N, C-alpha and C. Protein backbone atom coordinates (compact mmCIF):
# COMPACT_ATOMS: atom_id res chain seq x y z
N MET A 1 79.05 121.60 119.56
CA MET A 1 78.96 121.13 118.66
C MET A 1 80.30 119.78 118.47
N SER A 2 80.20 118.78 117.70
CA SER A 2 80.99 117.98 117.75
C SER A 2 82.15 118.72 116.83
N LEU A 3 83.43 117.98 116.87
CA LEU A 3 84.26 118.05 116.18
C LEU A 3 84.16 118.00 114.78
N PHE A 4 83.30 116.92 114.16
CA PHE A 4 82.93 116.14 112.62
C PHE A 4 82.00 117.66 112.61
N GLU A 5 81.56 118.74 112.77
CA GLU A 5 79.97 119.42 112.72
C GLU A 5 81.01 120.69 112.32
N ILE A 6 82.02 120.74 112.93
CA ILE A 6 82.60 122.15 112.62
C ILE A 6 82.59 122.44 111.33
N PRO A 7 82.20 123.65 110.77
CA PRO A 7 82.42 124.14 109.67
C PRO A 7 83.68 123.98 109.01
N LEU A 8 84.25 124.23 108.26
CA LEU A 8 85.92 124.01 108.07
C LEU A 8 85.79 124.87 106.39
N GLN A 9 86.93 125.28 105.28
CA GLN A 9 87.34 125.71 103.66
C GLN A 9 88.34 125.03 103.90
N THR A 10 88.09 123.97 101.77
CA THR A 10 89.14 124.31 101.80
C THR A 10 90.18 125.55 101.60
N LEU A 11 91.49 125.28 100.95
CA LEU A 11 92.14 126.34 100.13
C LEU A 11 91.31 126.89 99.04
N THR A 12 90.56 125.85 98.41
CA THR A 12 90.47 127.20 97.12
C THR A 12 88.84 127.19 97.24
N GLY A 13 88.81 127.48 98.76
CA GLY A 13 86.97 127.97 98.89
C GLY A 13 85.99 127.14 99.39
N GLU A 14 86.28 125.97 98.96
CA GLU A 14 84.57 125.44 99.45
C GLU A 14 84.23 124.74 101.08
N PRO A 15 83.12 124.86 101.33
CA PRO A 15 83.24 124.02 102.93
C PRO A 15 83.18 122.61 102.83
N VAL A 16 83.55 122.26 103.82
CA VAL A 16 83.91 120.74 104.19
C VAL A 16 84.30 120.51 105.83
N SER A 17 84.15 119.84 105.92
CA SER A 17 84.10 119.66 107.81
C SER A 17 84.86 118.08 107.97
N LEU A 18 85.55 117.87 109.49
CA LEU A 18 85.77 116.37 109.52
C LEU A 18 85.04 115.24 108.95
N ALA A 19 82.90 115.28 109.42
CA ALA A 19 82.04 115.12 108.89
C ALA A 19 82.67 114.07 107.23
N ASP A 20 83.30 114.88 106.37
CA ASP A 20 83.96 114.33 105.13
C ASP A 20 84.51 113.28 104.94
N TYR A 21 85.15 113.13 106.23
CA TYR A 21 86.26 112.55 106.53
C TYR A 21 85.77 111.09 106.93
N ARG A 22 84.50 111.02 107.65
CA ARG A 22 83.81 110.81 109.15
C ARG A 22 84.49 108.86 109.30
N ASP A 23 85.10 108.27 108.00
CA ASP A 23 85.06 107.15 107.46
C ASP A 23 86.84 106.44 107.73
N LYS A 24 87.55 107.48 107.85
CA LYS A 24 88.89 108.13 108.24
C LYS A 24 89.50 107.91 109.49
N ALA A 25 90.36 108.29 109.66
CA ALA A 25 91.62 108.93 110.56
C ALA A 25 92.17 109.99 109.79
N VAL A 26 91.96 110.98 110.69
CA VAL A 26 92.59 112.54 110.14
C VAL A 26 93.77 112.69 111.04
N LEU A 27 94.59 113.59 110.32
CA LEU A 27 96.13 113.73 111.05
C LEU A 27 96.23 114.55 110.27
N VAL A 28 95.43 116.10 111.45
CA VAL A 28 95.05 117.38 111.26
C VAL A 28 96.42 118.18 111.85
N VAL A 29 97.37 118.70 110.49
CA VAL A 29 98.89 119.28 111.01
C VAL A 29 98.43 121.37 110.67
N ASN A 30 98.50 121.58 111.21
CA ASN A 30 99.31 123.72 111.23
C ASN A 30 100.37 123.03 110.34
N VAL A 31 100.37 123.94 109.00
CA VAL A 31 101.62 123.85 108.12
C VAL A 31 101.80 125.45 107.82
N ALA A 32 103.22 124.84 107.22
CA ALA A 32 104.05 126.50 107.05
C ALA A 32 104.62 126.42 106.12
N SER A 33 104.70 126.96 105.56
CA SER A 33 106.03 126.94 103.88
C SER A 33 107.43 127.54 104.35
N LYS A 34 107.70 127.98 105.18
CA LYS A 34 108.63 128.98 105.36
C LYS A 34 109.44 128.57 106.73
N CYS A 35 109.34 127.47 107.36
CA CYS A 35 109.71 126.75 108.71
C CYS A 35 111.12 126.38 108.15
N GLY A 36 111.47 125.98 109.68
CA GLY A 36 112.89 125.62 110.12
C GLY A 36 111.83 123.12 109.83
N LEU A 37 111.00 123.28 110.06
CA LEU A 37 109.71 122.15 110.34
C LEU A 37 109.10 121.65 108.82
N THR A 38 109.21 122.52 107.76
CA THR A 38 108.80 122.14 106.30
C THR A 38 108.65 121.19 105.55
N PRO A 39 109.86 120.97 105.80
CA PRO A 39 110.61 119.45 105.42
C PRO A 39 109.71 118.23 105.76
N GLN A 40 108.88 118.57 106.74
CA GLN A 40 108.11 117.57 107.33
C GLN A 40 106.86 117.59 106.22
N TYR A 41 106.85 118.41 105.81
CA TYR A 41 105.00 118.00 104.55
C TYR A 41 106.06 116.17 103.55
N ALA A 42 107.30 116.47 103.28
CA ALA A 42 107.53 115.34 102.39
C ALA A 42 107.17 114.47 103.79
N GLY A 43 107.36 113.97 104.95
CA GLY A 43 107.35 112.83 105.34
C GLY A 43 105.40 112.31 105.89
N LEU A 44 104.68 113.38 105.74
CA LEU A 44 103.53 113.59 105.53
C LEU A 44 102.51 113.19 104.71
N GLU A 45 103.89 113.69 103.42
CA GLU A 45 102.93 112.93 101.83
C GLU A 45 103.47 111.06 101.92
N LYS A 46 104.45 111.10 102.06
CA LYS A 46 104.35 109.40 102.94
C LYS A 46 103.33 109.12 102.97
N LEU A 47 103.43 109.93 104.46
CA LEU A 47 102.09 108.86 104.85
C LEU A 47 101.04 108.49 104.50
N GLN A 48 100.87 110.15 103.64
CA GLN A 48 99.23 109.85 102.87
C GLN A 48 99.54 108.74 102.04
N GLN A 49 100.62 108.60 101.02
CA GLN A 49 100.53 107.54 99.97
C GLN A 49 100.88 106.85 100.78
N GLU A 50 100.78 106.21 101.82
CA GLU A 50 101.58 104.42 102.74
C GLU A 50 100.59 103.75 103.03
N TYR A 51 99.38 105.01 104.08
CA TYR A 51 98.19 104.35 104.76
C TYR A 51 97.06 105.31 104.50
N GLY A 52 96.98 105.61 103.41
CA GLY A 52 95.72 106.56 102.33
C GLY A 52 94.81 105.61 102.51
N GLU A 53 94.85 104.07 101.23
CA GLU A 53 94.35 103.39 101.09
C GLU A 53 94.09 102.75 102.23
N ARG A 54 93.95 103.02 103.49
CA ARG A 54 93.49 102.28 104.28
C ARG A 54 93.07 103.23 104.95
N GLY A 55 93.12 104.05 104.78
CA GLY A 55 92.05 104.36 105.77
C GLY A 55 92.18 106.12 106.13
N LEU A 56 93.28 106.47 106.34
CA LEU A 56 93.90 107.75 106.83
C LEU A 56 94.03 109.05 105.47
N THR A 57 93.74 110.03 106.16
CA THR A 57 93.87 111.40 105.21
C THR A 57 94.67 112.65 106.16
N VAL A 58 95.82 113.23 105.44
CA VAL A 58 96.36 113.95 106.28
C VAL A 58 95.80 115.10 105.34
N LEU A 59 95.51 116.24 106.38
CA LEU A 59 94.72 117.13 106.41
C LEU A 59 95.92 118.33 106.62
N GLY A 60 95.76 119.13 105.49
CA GLY A 60 97.23 120.43 106.37
C GLY A 60 96.31 121.49 106.07
N VAL A 61 96.69 122.41 107.29
CA VAL A 61 95.85 123.56 107.91
C VAL A 61 96.93 124.66 108.05
N PRO A 62 97.40 125.81 107.07
CA PRO A 62 98.26 126.28 106.63
C PRO A 62 98.04 127.41 107.77
N CYS A 63 98.89 127.77 108.20
CA CYS A 63 99.00 129.02 109.55
C CYS A 63 99.87 129.95 109.57
N ASN A 64 99.61 130.93 109.86
CA ASN A 64 100.60 132.22 109.36
C ASN A 64 101.25 132.55 110.64
N GLN A 65 100.44 132.36 111.72
CA GLN A 65 100.62 132.70 113.28
C GLN A 65 101.97 132.56 113.87
N PHE A 66 102.84 132.08 113.11
CA PHE A 66 104.02 131.57 114.37
C PHE A 66 105.18 131.85 113.44
N ALA A 67 106.09 133.48 113.80
CA ALA A 67 107.30 134.29 112.84
C ALA A 67 106.38 134.19 111.06
N GLY A 68 105.41 134.44 110.75
CA GLY A 68 105.02 134.88 109.85
C GLY A 68 105.59 133.53 109.08
N GLN A 69 105.74 132.56 109.18
CA GLN A 69 106.07 131.44 108.29
C GLN A 69 105.23 130.87 107.28
N GLU A 70 104.16 131.22 107.65
CA GLU A 70 103.15 131.44 105.90
C GLU A 70 102.21 132.67 105.08
N PRO A 71 103.22 133.31 105.21
CA PRO A 71 102.69 134.35 104.78
C PRO A 71 101.94 134.24 103.26
N GLY A 72 102.34 133.65 102.39
CA GLY A 72 101.51 133.26 100.58
C GLY A 72 100.02 133.15 100.77
N SER A 73 99.39 133.54 99.29
CA SER A 73 98.29 133.20 99.35
C SER A 73 97.49 131.81 99.22
N ALA A 74 96.41 131.20 98.97
CA ALA A 74 95.88 130.23 98.87
C ALA A 74 96.78 129.36 97.76
N GLU A 75 97.05 130.23 96.32
CA GLU A 75 97.11 129.81 95.14
C GLU A 75 98.93 129.43 95.27
N GLU A 76 99.52 130.74 95.76
CA GLU A 76 100.93 130.54 96.55
C GLU A 76 101.26 128.93 97.00
N ILE A 77 100.26 128.75 98.50
CA ILE A 77 100.61 127.79 99.04
C ILE A 77 100.54 126.21 98.35
N ARG A 78 99.14 126.46 97.57
CA ARG A 78 98.76 125.51 96.60
C ARG A 78 100.51 125.09 95.74
N THR A 79 100.82 125.68 95.33
CA THR A 79 101.77 125.57 93.69
C THR A 79 102.81 125.77 94.95
N PHE A 80 103.22 126.21 95.73
CA PHE A 80 104.68 125.45 96.72
C PHE A 80 104.28 123.82 97.53
N CYS A 81 103.13 123.72 97.84
CA CYS A 81 103.22 122.18 98.36
C CYS A 81 103.29 121.14 97.36
N SER A 82 102.65 121.48 96.26
CA SER A 82 102.65 120.68 95.32
C SER A 82 103.63 120.61 94.74
N THR A 83 104.24 121.66 94.31
CA THR A 83 106.14 121.31 93.23
C THR A 83 106.75 121.28 94.26
N THR A 84 106.53 121.74 95.34
CA THR A 84 108.30 121.31 96.16
C THR A 84 107.94 119.86 96.99
N TYR A 85 106.88 119.67 97.28
CA TYR A 85 106.96 118.06 98.45
C TYR A 85 105.54 117.15 97.21
N GLY A 86 105.28 117.42 96.53
CA GLY A 86 104.44 116.84 95.87
C GLY A 86 103.19 116.42 96.78
N VAL A 87 102.89 117.53 97.57
CA VAL A 87 101.71 117.33 98.17
C VAL A 87 100.25 116.95 97.45
N SER A 88 99.61 115.92 97.96
CA SER A 88 98.35 115.34 96.96
C SER A 88 96.85 115.55 98.28
N PHE A 89 97.57 115.44 99.47
CA PHE A 89 96.75 115.25 100.68
C PHE A 89 95.86 116.70 100.64
N PRO A 90 94.46 117.06 101.37
CA PRO A 90 94.14 118.51 100.94
C PRO A 90 94.73 119.43 101.93
N LEU A 91 94.48 120.22 101.55
CA LEU A 91 95.17 121.60 102.36
C LEU A 91 93.65 122.37 102.95
N LEU A 92 93.48 123.42 104.32
CA LEU A 92 92.29 124.20 104.25
C LEU A 92 92.87 125.59 104.08
N ALA A 93 92.11 126.51 104.33
CA ALA A 93 92.38 127.75 103.98
C ALA A 93 93.29 128.19 105.00
N LYS A 94 94.15 129.19 105.75
CA LYS A 94 94.71 129.56 106.18
C LYS A 94 94.11 129.73 107.54
N THR A 95 94.18 129.10 108.51
CA THR A 95 93.36 129.01 109.59
C THR A 95 94.60 129.44 111.04
N ASP A 96 93.42 130.46 111.68
CA ASP A 96 94.29 130.85 112.94
C ASP A 96 94.04 129.40 114.12
N VAL A 97 95.41 129.50 115.12
CA VAL A 97 95.17 127.81 115.41
C VAL A 97 95.06 128.50 117.41
N ASN A 98 95.94 129.48 117.34
CA ASN A 98 95.42 130.35 118.58
C ASN A 98 94.84 131.75 118.85
N GLY A 99 94.92 132.55 119.80
CA GLY A 99 94.99 133.45 119.61
C GLY A 99 92.63 133.99 120.17
N ALA A 100 92.94 135.40 119.97
CA ALA A 100 91.59 135.69 119.91
C ALA A 100 90.38 135.01 118.39
N ASP A 101 91.14 135.22 117.12
CA ASP A 101 90.93 134.28 116.23
C ASP A 101 90.43 133.08 115.96
N ARG A 102 91.04 131.80 117.34
CA ARG A 102 91.29 130.99 117.04
C ARG A 102 89.86 130.14 115.92
N HIS A 103 90.21 129.00 115.01
CA HIS A 103 89.19 128.70 115.09
C HIS A 103 88.61 127.95 115.64
N PRO A 104 87.58 127.54 115.48
CA PRO A 104 86.92 126.60 116.47
C PRO A 104 86.70 124.64 116.36
N LEU A 105 87.78 124.95 115.35
CA LEU A 105 88.21 123.29 115.32
C LEU A 105 89.56 123.49 116.56
N TYR A 106 89.82 124.48 115.95
CA TYR A 106 91.56 124.79 116.73
C TYR A 106 91.04 124.50 118.28
N ALA A 107 90.29 125.47 119.18
CA ALA A 107 89.04 125.52 119.95
C ALA A 107 89.50 124.37 120.57
N GLU A 108 89.10 123.26 120.03
CA GLU A 108 88.40 121.84 120.36
C GLU A 108 89.74 121.18 120.52
N LEU A 109 90.91 121.02 119.60
CA LEU A 109 91.48 120.08 119.69
C LEU A 109 92.80 120.56 120.78
N THR A 110 92.78 121.71 121.14
CA THR A 110 93.70 122.31 121.73
C THR A 110 93.77 121.74 123.75
N GLN A 111 92.21 121.44 123.60
CA GLN A 111 91.71 121.20 125.04
C GLN A 111 92.40 119.88 125.17
N VAL A 112 92.76 118.80 124.14
CA VAL A 112 93.21 117.70 124.01
C VAL A 112 94.73 117.45 125.06
N ALA A 113 95.43 117.15 125.88
CA ALA A 113 96.42 117.10 126.39
C ALA A 113 97.36 115.91 125.54
N ASP A 114 99.00 116.80 125.62
CA ASP A 114 100.08 115.25 124.53
C ASP A 114 100.21 114.60 125.12
N ALA A 115 101.21 113.86 125.39
CA ALA A 115 101.95 112.38 125.88
C ALA A 115 102.05 112.84 127.59
N GLU A 116 102.65 114.19 127.56
CA GLU A 116 102.96 114.79 128.93
C GLU A 116 101.93 115.13 129.29
N GLY A 117 101.03 114.85 128.96
CA GLY A 117 99.78 115.73 129.91
C GLY A 117 99.34 117.29 130.18
N GLU A 118 99.93 117.54 128.68
CA GLU A 118 99.07 119.14 128.26
C GLU A 118 98.78 119.76 127.53
N ALA A 119 97.97 120.30 127.87
CA ALA A 119 97.04 120.80 126.67
C ALA A 119 97.18 121.76 126.48
N GLY A 120 96.10 122.67 125.55
CA GLY A 120 96.73 124.39 125.24
C GLY A 120 96.76 124.25 124.13
N ASP A 121 97.58 126.25 123.83
CA ASP A 121 98.18 126.51 122.57
C ASP A 121 98.80 125.57 121.81
N VAL A 122 98.47 125.79 120.61
CA VAL A 122 99.98 125.08 119.46
C VAL A 122 101.14 125.99 119.95
N GLN A 123 101.80 124.55 119.69
CA GLN A 123 103.50 125.33 120.20
C GLN A 123 104.31 125.85 118.98
N TRP A 124 104.00 125.71 117.54
CA TRP A 124 104.57 125.49 116.67
C TRP A 124 103.81 125.56 115.69
N ASN A 125 104.64 125.53 114.26
CA ASN A 125 104.20 124.90 113.36
C ASN A 125 104.42 123.38 112.88
N PHE A 126 103.15 122.42 112.92
CA PHE A 126 103.23 121.15 112.76
C PHE A 126 103.16 120.45 113.75
N GLU A 127 102.26 120.97 114.57
CA GLU A 127 101.33 119.95 115.54
C GLU A 127 100.53 119.10 115.44
N LYS A 128 100.85 118.34 115.51
CA LYS A 128 99.72 117.11 115.25
C LYS A 128 98.76 116.58 115.90
N PHE A 129 97.19 116.60 115.56
CA PHE A 129 96.35 115.80 116.02
C PHE A 129 95.40 114.90 115.20
N LEU A 130 95.77 113.57 115.82
CA LEU A 130 95.02 112.60 115.15
C LEU A 130 93.98 112.38 115.77
N VAL A 131 92.88 112.16 114.53
CA VAL A 131 91.42 111.99 115.33
C VAL A 131 91.01 110.44 114.44
N GLY A 132 90.43 110.09 115.27
CA GLY A 132 89.88 108.83 114.79
C GLY A 132 88.60 108.79 114.10
N ARG A 133 88.33 108.10 113.55
CA ARG A 133 86.75 107.62 112.91
C ARG A 133 85.50 107.91 114.29
N ASP A 134 86.40 107.51 116.16
CA ASP A 134 85.37 107.75 116.91
C ASP A 134 85.26 109.10 117.18
N GLY A 135 86.13 109.82 116.68
CA GLY A 135 86.33 111.34 117.47
C GLY A 135 87.15 111.34 118.52
N GLU A 136 88.14 110.05 119.00
CA GLU A 136 89.19 110.73 120.29
C GLU A 136 90.45 110.92 118.92
N VAL A 137 90.89 112.00 119.77
CA VAL A 137 92.03 112.83 119.03
C VAL A 137 93.62 112.03 120.58
N THR A 138 94.45 112.24 119.03
CA THR A 138 95.54 111.97 119.88
C THR A 138 96.70 113.43 119.69
N ARG A 139 97.51 113.95 120.54
CA ARG A 139 98.23 115.33 120.09
C ARG A 139 99.80 114.74 120.31
N PHE A 140 100.50 115.13 119.32
CA PHE A 140 101.77 115.27 118.78
C PHE A 140 102.61 116.75 118.85
N ARG A 141 103.15 116.84 119.62
CA ARG A 141 104.09 118.04 119.51
C ARG A 141 104.62 118.59 117.87
N PRO A 142 104.71 119.79 117.89
CA PRO A 142 106.14 119.47 116.31
C PRO A 142 106.95 119.15 115.95
N ARG A 143 107.87 119.12 116.82
CA ARG A 143 109.50 118.14 116.87
C ARG A 143 108.96 116.58 116.31
N THR A 144 107.96 116.30 116.66
CA THR A 144 106.90 115.05 116.41
C THR A 144 106.94 114.65 114.26
N GLU A 145 108.45 114.16 114.40
CA GLU A 145 108.43 113.71 112.74
C GLU A 145 107.24 112.70 112.05
N PRO A 146 107.15 112.96 111.04
CA PRO A 146 105.28 112.54 110.69
C PRO A 146 105.87 110.73 110.99
N ASP A 147 107.48 110.40 110.40
CA ASP A 147 107.73 108.76 110.88
C ASP A 147 108.59 108.01 112.12
N ALA A 148 108.02 109.30 113.19
CA ALA A 148 107.75 108.96 114.25
C ALA A 148 107.39 107.15 114.93
N PRO A 149 108.25 106.12 115.41
CA PRO A 149 108.09 105.34 115.80
C PRO A 149 106.53 105.64 117.17
N GLU A 150 106.10 106.41 117.98
CA GLU A 150 104.87 106.91 118.60
C GLU A 150 103.71 107.57 117.26
N LEU A 151 103.73 108.01 116.73
CA LEU A 151 103.09 108.83 116.08
C LEU A 151 102.52 107.62 114.89
N VAL A 152 103.45 106.51 114.08
CA VAL A 152 103.00 105.40 113.42
C VAL A 152 102.25 104.42 114.09
N ALA A 153 102.58 104.27 114.97
CA ALA A 153 101.80 103.49 115.92
C ALA A 153 100.83 103.75 116.33
N ALA A 154 99.69 104.99 116.84
CA ALA A 154 99.01 105.59 116.76
C ALA A 154 97.98 105.69 115.66
N ILE A 155 99.19 105.69 114.48
CA ILE A 155 98.00 106.43 113.19
C ILE A 155 97.90 104.20 112.90
N GLU A 156 98.45 102.94 112.72
CA GLU A 156 97.76 102.15 112.68
C GLU A 156 96.99 101.34 113.69
N ALA A 157 97.04 102.42 115.04
CA ALA A 157 95.90 101.64 116.16
C ALA A 157 94.44 102.34 115.42
N LYS A 158 94.69 103.40 114.79
CA LYS A 158 93.16 104.40 114.55
C LYS A 158 93.03 103.52 113.18
N LEU A 159 93.74 102.55 112.35
CA LEU A 159 92.83 102.38 111.25
C LEU A 159 92.69 100.53 111.10
N VAL A 160 92.94 100.45 112.58
CA VAL A 160 92.21 99.03 113.29
C VAL A 160 90.27 99.12 112.88
């Protein structure tokens, strides 16, 4: 099964897949509302606003696997994201990114190595996977800020 065919579910329960964004570059980010990195939501929304018309979609994936930092219900997550950070990008249903119940999307994404050549488990909230229209994936670790030059350059390259 290709990355684009893996079934996903939106925060509101509708079926979706990366194929729905096939003509775009997609920045898949596991997110959490109560993390020290949560302010990255602002930078992710800025990326969505700056690059959305050029073909980028940020896709937030709430995850509660890291110190219980995303404990809320779907409605609580949606409300927090919209009222605190003005998030307009799509959010998926709360998802496991590591372990025995790892979602098939993350089973594929975590096979991709980062810039240091390390693949494997997601390290923490706000790990980023940039998926190009061709399905090629570039991985950025959690502390890579949304406005980091290396991430912006990778996005620009995927939008050409």
